[in-house]
Amino acid sequence: MSFGFLGIQFGFALQNANVSRIFETLGASKDELPILWLAAPVTGLLVQPIIGYYSDRTWHKKWGRRRPFFAIGAILATIALFAMPNSTALWMAVIMLWLMDASINVSMEP
């Protein structure tokens, strides 16, 4: 269980270390950064109860109840981690931040 959280914490560490710089490089002012960072708690507030509801009612013969959510979250978080630094516009980076937060929440809390 703890080893699985290593990947999740690695994603959060990369996010916390680099996102503000990426946003500023793409044109966000220092006054806009707190609003853009609000994506993480709002996403968690919305995604976690929904994923919990569906994971409690899901059953797959081969994967079980939670593994499909772990896999989907990991794949989407990986895509967002690679796409965010390569974004060409601020709105694309913000969408990637939301996708990354939602994906990490899906992997973390099914």
N, C-alpha and C. Protein backbone atom coordinates (compact mmCIF):
# COMPACT_ATOMS: atom_id res chain seq x y z
N MET A 1 0.83 -1.19 0.00
CA MET A 1 0.00 0.00 0.00
C MET A 1 0.87 1.25 0.00
N SER A 2 1.86 1.30 0.85
CA SER A 2 2.70 2.49 0.92
C SER A 2 3.55 2.67 -0.33
N PHE A 3 3.99 1.56 -0.92
CA PHE A 3 4.82 1.68 -2.12
C PHE A 3 4.02 2.24 -3.29
N GLY A 4 2.74 1.93 -3.35
CA GLY A 4 1.89 2.49 -4.40
C GLY A 4 1.76 4.00 -4.30
N PHE A 5 1.78 4.50 -3.08
CA PHE A 5 1.68 5.95 -2.89
C PHE A 5 2.96 6.67 -3.29
N LEU A 6 4.06 5.94 -3.49
CA LEU A 6 5.29 6.56 -3.95
C LEU A 6 5.07 7.25 -5.30
N GLY A 7 4.39 6.58 -6.21
CA GLY A 7 4.11 7.17 -7.52
C GLY A 7 3.19 8.37 -7.42
N ILE A 8 2.19 8.29 -6.56
CA ILE A 8 1.26 9.40 -6.37
C ILE A 8 2.00 10.61 -5.79
N GLN A 9 2.82 10.37 -4.80
CA GLN A 9 3.57 11.47 -4.19
C GLN A 9 4.61 12.04 -5.15
N PHE A 10 5.15 11.20 -6.02
CA PHE A 10 6.08 11.68 -7.05
C PHE A 10 5.36 12.65 -7.99
N GLY A 11 4.14 12.31 -8.37
CA GLY A 11 3.35 13.20 -9.22
C GLY A 11 3.04 14.52 -8.53
N PHE A 12 2.65 14.46 -7.25
CA PHE A 12 2.39 15.68 -6.50
C PHE A 12 3.66 16.53 -6.35
N ALA A 13 4.81 15.88 -6.14
CA ALA A 13 6.06 16.62 -5.99
C ALA A 13 6.43 17.35 -7.28
N LEU A 14 6.29 16.66 -8.41
CA LEU A 14 6.56 17.31 -9.69
C LEU A 14 5.61 18.48 -9.93
N GLN A 15 4.37 18.27 -9.58
CA GLN A 15 3.36 19.31 -9.75
C GLN A 15 3.69 20.52 -8.89
N ASN A 16 3.94 20.32 -7.62
CA ASN A 16 4.20 21.44 -6.71
C ASN A 16 5.48 22.18 -7.04
N ALA A 17 6.47 21.48 -7.57
CA ALA A 17 7.74 22.12 -7.87
C ALA A 17 7.72 22.93 -9.16
N ASN A 18 6.90 22.55 -10.11
CA ASN A 18 7.02 23.12 -11.45
C ASN A 18 5.83 23.90 -11.99
N VAL A 19 4.66 23.71 -11.45
CA VAL A 19 3.46 24.28 -12.08
C VAL A 19 3.46 25.80 -12.06
N SER A 20 3.84 26.41 -10.97
CA SER A 20 3.85 27.88 -10.91
C SER A 20 4.78 28.47 -11.96
N ARG A 21 5.94 27.87 -12.12
CA ARG A 21 6.89 28.35 -13.12
C ARG A 21 6.33 28.16 -14.53
N ILE A 22 5.68 27.03 -14.78
CA ILE A 22 5.07 26.79 -16.10
C ILE A 22 3.98 27.82 -16.38
N PHE A 23 3.14 28.08 -15.38
CA PHE A 23 2.07 29.07 -15.56
C PHE A 23 2.65 30.45 -15.83
N GLU A 24 3.68 30.85 -15.09
CA GLU A 24 4.29 32.17 -15.31
C GLU A 24 4.94 32.25 -16.68
N THR A 25 5.57 31.17 -17.12
CA THR A 25 6.19 31.16 -18.45
C THR A 25 5.15 31.33 -19.55
N LEU A 26 3.95 30.81 -19.30
CA LEU A 26 2.88 30.90 -20.30
C LEU A 26 2.06 32.18 -20.18
N GLY A 27 2.44 33.07 -19.26
CA GLY A 27 1.81 34.38 -19.22
C GLY A 27 0.96 34.69 -18.01
N ALA A 28 0.88 33.81 -17.03
CA ALA A 28 0.08 34.10 -15.83
C ALA A 28 0.84 35.06 -14.92
N SER A 29 0.13 36.00 -14.34
CA SER A 29 0.76 36.92 -13.39
C SER A 29 0.78 36.27 -12.01
N LYS A 30 1.57 36.84 -11.13
CA LYS A 30 1.65 36.31 -9.76
C LYS A 30 0.32 36.43 -9.03
N ASP A 31 -0.50 37.38 -9.42
CA ASP A 31 -1.82 37.52 -8.80
C ASP A 31 -2.81 36.44 -9.26
N GLU A 32 -2.58 35.87 -10.42
CA GLU A 32 -3.48 34.83 -10.94
C GLU A 32 -3.13 33.43 -10.45
N LEU A 33 -1.92 33.23 -9.95
CA LEU A 33 -1.48 31.89 -9.55
C LEU A 33 -2.35 31.26 -8.47
N PRO A 34 -2.75 31.98 -7.41
CA PRO A 34 -3.60 31.32 -6.41
C PRO A 34 -4.93 30.83 -6.97
N ILE A 35 -5.52 31.58 -7.89
CA ILE A 35 -6.78 31.15 -8.51
C ILE A 35 -6.55 29.88 -9.33
N LEU A 36 -5.44 29.85 -10.07
CA LEU A 36 -5.14 28.67 -10.88
C LEU A 36 -4.85 27.45 -10.01
N TRP A 37 -4.24 27.67 -8.85
CA TRP A 37 -3.93 26.56 -7.95
C TRP A 37 -5.17 26.04 -7.22
N LEU A 38 -6.27 26.75 -7.30
CA LEU A 38 -7.50 26.28 -6.67
C LEU A 38 -8.04 25.02 -7.34
N ALA A 39 -7.50 24.67 -8.48
CA ALA A 39 -7.96 23.49 -9.21
C ALA A 39 -7.82 22.22 -8.37
N ALA A 40 -6.75 22.09 -7.63
CA ALA A 40 -6.50 20.85 -6.88
C ALA A 40 -7.57 20.57 -5.83
N PRO A 41 -7.84 21.48 -4.89
CA PRO A 41 -8.85 21.14 -3.89
C PRO A 41 -10.26 21.02 -4.45
N VAL A 42 -10.59 21.84 -5.44
CA VAL A 42 -11.93 21.76 -6.03
C VAL A 42 -12.10 20.44 -6.77
N THR A 43 -11.07 20.03 -7.50
CA THR A 43 -11.12 18.76 -8.21
C THR A 43 -11.28 17.60 -7.25
N GLY A 44 -10.50 17.60 -6.18
CA GLY A 44 -10.61 16.53 -5.18
C GLY A 44 -11.98 16.50 -4.53
N LEU A 45 -12.52 17.66 -4.27
CA LEU A 45 -13.84 17.76 -3.65
C LEU A 45 -14.92 17.13 -4.53
N LEU A 46 -14.78 17.28 -5.83
CA LEU A 46 -15.78 16.76 -6.76
C LEU A 46 -15.51 15.32 -7.19
N VAL A 47 -14.26 14.99 -7.43
CA VAL A 47 -13.93 13.69 -8.01
C VAL A 47 -13.98 12.55 -7.00
N GLN A 48 -13.46 12.75 -5.81
CA GLN A 48 -13.35 11.64 -4.86
C GLN A 48 -14.68 10.99 -4.49
N PRO A 49 -15.73 11.75 -4.18
CA PRO A 49 -17.00 11.06 -3.87
C PRO A 49 -17.58 10.31 -5.07
N ILE A 50 -17.42 10.86 -6.25
CA ILE A 50 -17.95 10.20 -7.45
C ILE A 50 -17.21 8.89 -7.70
N ILE A 51 -15.89 8.92 -7.64
CA ILE A 51 -15.09 7.72 -7.86
C ILE A 51 -15.36 6.70 -6.76
N GLY A 52 -15.50 7.14 -5.52
CA GLY A 52 -15.84 6.22 -4.44
C GLY A 52 -17.17 5.53 -4.67
N TYR A 53 -18.14 6.27 -5.13
CA TYR A 53 -19.47 5.70 -5.41
C TYR A 53 -19.36 4.63 -6.49
N TYR A 54 -18.69 4.96 -7.60
CA TYR A 54 -18.60 4.00 -8.70
C TYR A 54 -17.70 2.82 -8.38
N SER A 55 -16.62 3.03 -7.64
CA SER A 55 -15.74 1.91 -7.32
C SER A 55 -16.40 0.93 -6.35
N ASP A 56 -17.29 1.40 -5.50
CA ASP A 56 -18.01 0.50 -4.61
C ASP A 56 -19.01 -0.36 -5.36
N ARG A 57 -19.41 0.06 -6.55
CA ARG A 57 -20.41 -0.67 -7.32
C ARG A 57 -19.84 -1.34 -8.57
N THR A 58 -18.52 -1.39 -8.66
CA THR A 58 -17.86 -1.98 -9.81
C THR A 58 -17.25 -3.32 -9.43
N TRP A 59 -17.35 -4.27 -10.33
CA TRP A 59 -16.66 -5.54 -10.11
C TRP A 59 -16.25 -6.09 -11.46
N HIS A 60 -14.97 -6.41 -11.59
CA HIS A 60 -14.43 -7.00 -12.79
C HIS A 60 -13.79 -8.32 -12.40
N LYS A 61 -14.08 -9.40 -13.15
CA LYS A 61 -13.59 -10.72 -12.77
C LYS A 61 -12.07 -10.78 -12.65
N LYS A 62 -11.38 -10.16 -13.58
CA LYS A 62 -9.92 -10.24 -13.59
C LYS A 62 -9.28 -9.14 -12.73
N TRP A 63 -9.82 -7.94 -12.75
CA TRP A 63 -9.18 -6.80 -12.11
C TRP A 63 -9.72 -6.51 -10.72
N GLY A 64 -10.87 -7.01 -10.39
CA GLY A 64 -11.44 -6.74 -9.07
C GLY A 64 -12.19 -5.43 -9.03
N ARG A 65 -12.26 -4.87 -7.85
CA ARG A 65 -13.08 -3.68 -7.63
C ARG A 65 -12.31 -2.38 -7.84
N ARG A 66 -11.07 -2.30 -7.41
CA ARG A 66 -10.34 -1.02 -7.40
C ARG A 66 -9.29 -0.88 -8.51
N ARG A 67 -8.74 -1.98 -8.98
CA ARG A 67 -7.64 -1.90 -9.95
C ARG A 67 -7.97 -1.15 -11.23
N PRO A 68 -9.19 -1.25 -11.78
CA PRO A 68 -9.45 -0.46 -12.99
C PRO A 68 -9.29 1.04 -12.75
N PHE A 69 -9.66 1.50 -11.57
CA PHE A 69 -9.53 2.92 -11.26
C PHE A 69 -8.07 3.31 -11.07
N PHE A 70 -7.28 2.42 -10.45
CA PHE A 70 -5.84 2.68 -10.31
C PHE A 70 -5.20 2.82 -11.69
N ALA A 71 -5.53 1.90 -12.60
CA ALA A 71 -4.92 1.90 -13.92
C ALA A 71 -5.33 3.13 -14.73
N ILE A 72 -6.61 3.44 -14.76
CA ILE A 72 -7.09 4.60 -15.52
C ILE A 72 -6.48 5.89 -14.97
N GLY A 73 -6.45 6.03 -13.65
CA GLY A 73 -5.86 7.22 -13.04
C GLY A 73 -4.39 7.36 -13.35
N ALA A 74 -3.66 6.24 -13.30
CA ALA A 74 -2.22 6.29 -13.58
C ALA A 74 -1.94 6.66 -15.03
N ILE A 75 -2.70 6.11 -15.94
CA ILE A 75 -2.49 6.42 -17.37
C ILE A 75 -2.79 7.89 -17.66
N LEU A 76 -3.91 8.39 -17.15
CA LEU A 76 -4.26 9.80 -17.39
C LEU A 76 -3.29 10.76 -16.70
N ALA A 77 -2.83 10.41 -15.49
CA ALA A 77 -1.85 11.26 -14.80
C ALA A 77 -0.54 11.31 -15.56
N THR A 78 -0.13 10.19 -16.13
CA THR A 78 1.10 10.16 -16.92
C THR A 78 0.98 11.05 -18.15
N ILE A 79 -0.14 10.98 -18.83
CA ILE A 79 -0.36 11.84 -20.00
C ILE A 79 -0.30 13.31 -19.60
N ALA A 80 -0.96 13.65 -18.49
CA ALA A 80 -0.96 15.05 -18.05
C ALA A 80 0.43 15.51 -17.62
N LEU A 81 1.19 14.63 -16.96
CA LEU A 81 2.55 15.00 -16.54
C LEU A 81 3.45 15.29 -17.74
N PHE A 82 3.27 14.57 -18.82
CA PHE A 82 4.08 14.83 -20.01
C PHE A 82 3.55 16.00 -20.82
N ALA A 83 2.24 16.21 -20.83
CA ALA A 83 1.65 17.26 -21.67
C ALA A 83 1.76 18.65 -21.06
N MET A 84 1.71 18.75 -19.73
CA MET A 84 1.70 20.09 -19.12
C MET A 84 2.94 20.91 -19.45
N PRO A 85 4.15 20.40 -19.30
CA PRO A 85 5.32 21.24 -19.62
C PRO A 85 5.41 21.59 -21.10
N ASN A 86 4.73 20.85 -21.95
CA ASN A 86 4.76 21.10 -23.38
C ASN A 86 3.57 21.90 -23.87
N SER A 87 2.78 22.44 -22.97
CA SER A 87 1.62 23.24 -23.35
C SER A 87 2.07 24.53 -24.01
N THR A 88 1.30 24.95 -25.00
CA THR A 88 1.65 26.18 -25.72
C THR A 88 0.83 27.38 -25.27
N ALA A 89 -0.20 27.14 -24.47
CA ALA A 89 -1.05 28.23 -23.98
C ALA A 89 -1.38 27.98 -22.52
N LEU A 90 -1.68 29.05 -21.82
CA LEU A 90 -1.99 28.95 -20.39
C LEU A 90 -3.21 28.09 -20.15
N TRP A 91 -4.24 28.24 -20.96
CA TRP A 91 -5.46 27.45 -20.75
C TRP A 91 -5.20 25.96 -20.91
N MET A 92 -4.27 25.58 -21.80
CA MET A 92 -3.93 24.16 -21.96
C MET A 92 -3.24 23.64 -20.71
N ALA A 93 -2.35 24.44 -20.13
CA ALA A 93 -1.65 24.02 -18.91
C ALA A 93 -2.63 23.90 -17.74
N VAL A 94 -3.60 24.79 -17.66
CA VAL A 94 -4.60 24.72 -16.59
C VAL A 94 -5.44 23.46 -16.75
N ILE A 95 -5.83 23.12 -17.96
CA ILE A 95 -6.59 21.89 -18.20
C ILE A 95 -5.75 20.67 -17.83
N MET A 96 -4.48 20.69 -18.14
CA MET A 96 -3.60 19.58 -17.78
C MET A 96 -3.45 19.47 -16.26
N LEU A 97 -3.42 20.61 -15.56
CA LEU A 97 -3.36 20.58 -14.10
C LEU A 97 -4.62 19.93 -13.54
N TRP A 98 -5.77 20.31 -14.07
CA TRP A 98 -7.03 19.71 -13.62
C TRP A 98 -7.08 18.22 -13.94
N LEU A 99 -6.61 17.85 -15.14
CA LEU A 99 -6.58 16.44 -15.50
C LEU A 99 -5.64 15.66 -14.58
N MET A 100 -4.48 16.25 -14.28
CA MET A 100 -3.53 15.58 -13.40
C MET A 100 -4.11 15.41 -12.00
N ASP A 101 -4.72 16.46 -11.46
CA ASP A 101 -5.31 16.36 -10.13
C ASP A 101 -6.45 15.35 -10.10
N ALA A 102 -7.29 15.37 -11.10
CA ALA A 102 -8.39 14.40 -11.15
C ALA A 102 -7.86 12.98 -11.27
N SER A 103 -6.85 12.78 -12.09
CA SER A 103 -6.28 11.44 -12.28
C SER A 103 -5.61 10.93 -11.02
N ILE A 104 -4.88 11.80 -10.35
CA ILE A 104 -4.24 11.38 -9.10
C ILE A 104 -5.29 11.06 -8.05
N ASN A 105 -6.36 11.84 -8.00
CA ASN A 105 -7.45 11.55 -7.07
C ASN A 105 -8.13 10.23 -7.41
N VAL A 106 -8.27 9.92 -8.69
CA VAL A 106 -8.86 8.64 -9.09
C VAL A 106 -7.97 7.49 -8.63
N SER A 107 -6.67 7.63 -8.79
CA SER A 107 -5.74 6.58 -8.36
C SER A 107 -5.64 6.47 -6.85
N MET A 108 -5.82 7.56 -6.18
CA MET A 108 -5.58 7.59 -4.73
C MET A 108 -6.79 7.14 -3.93
N GLU A 109 -7.98 7.41 -4.38
CA GLU A 109 -9.16 7.23 -3.53
C GLU A 109 -10.29 6.40 -4.14
N PRO A 110 -10.04 5.25 -4.74
CA PRO A 110 -11.21 4.51 -5.22
C PRO A 110 -11.89 3.71 -4.13
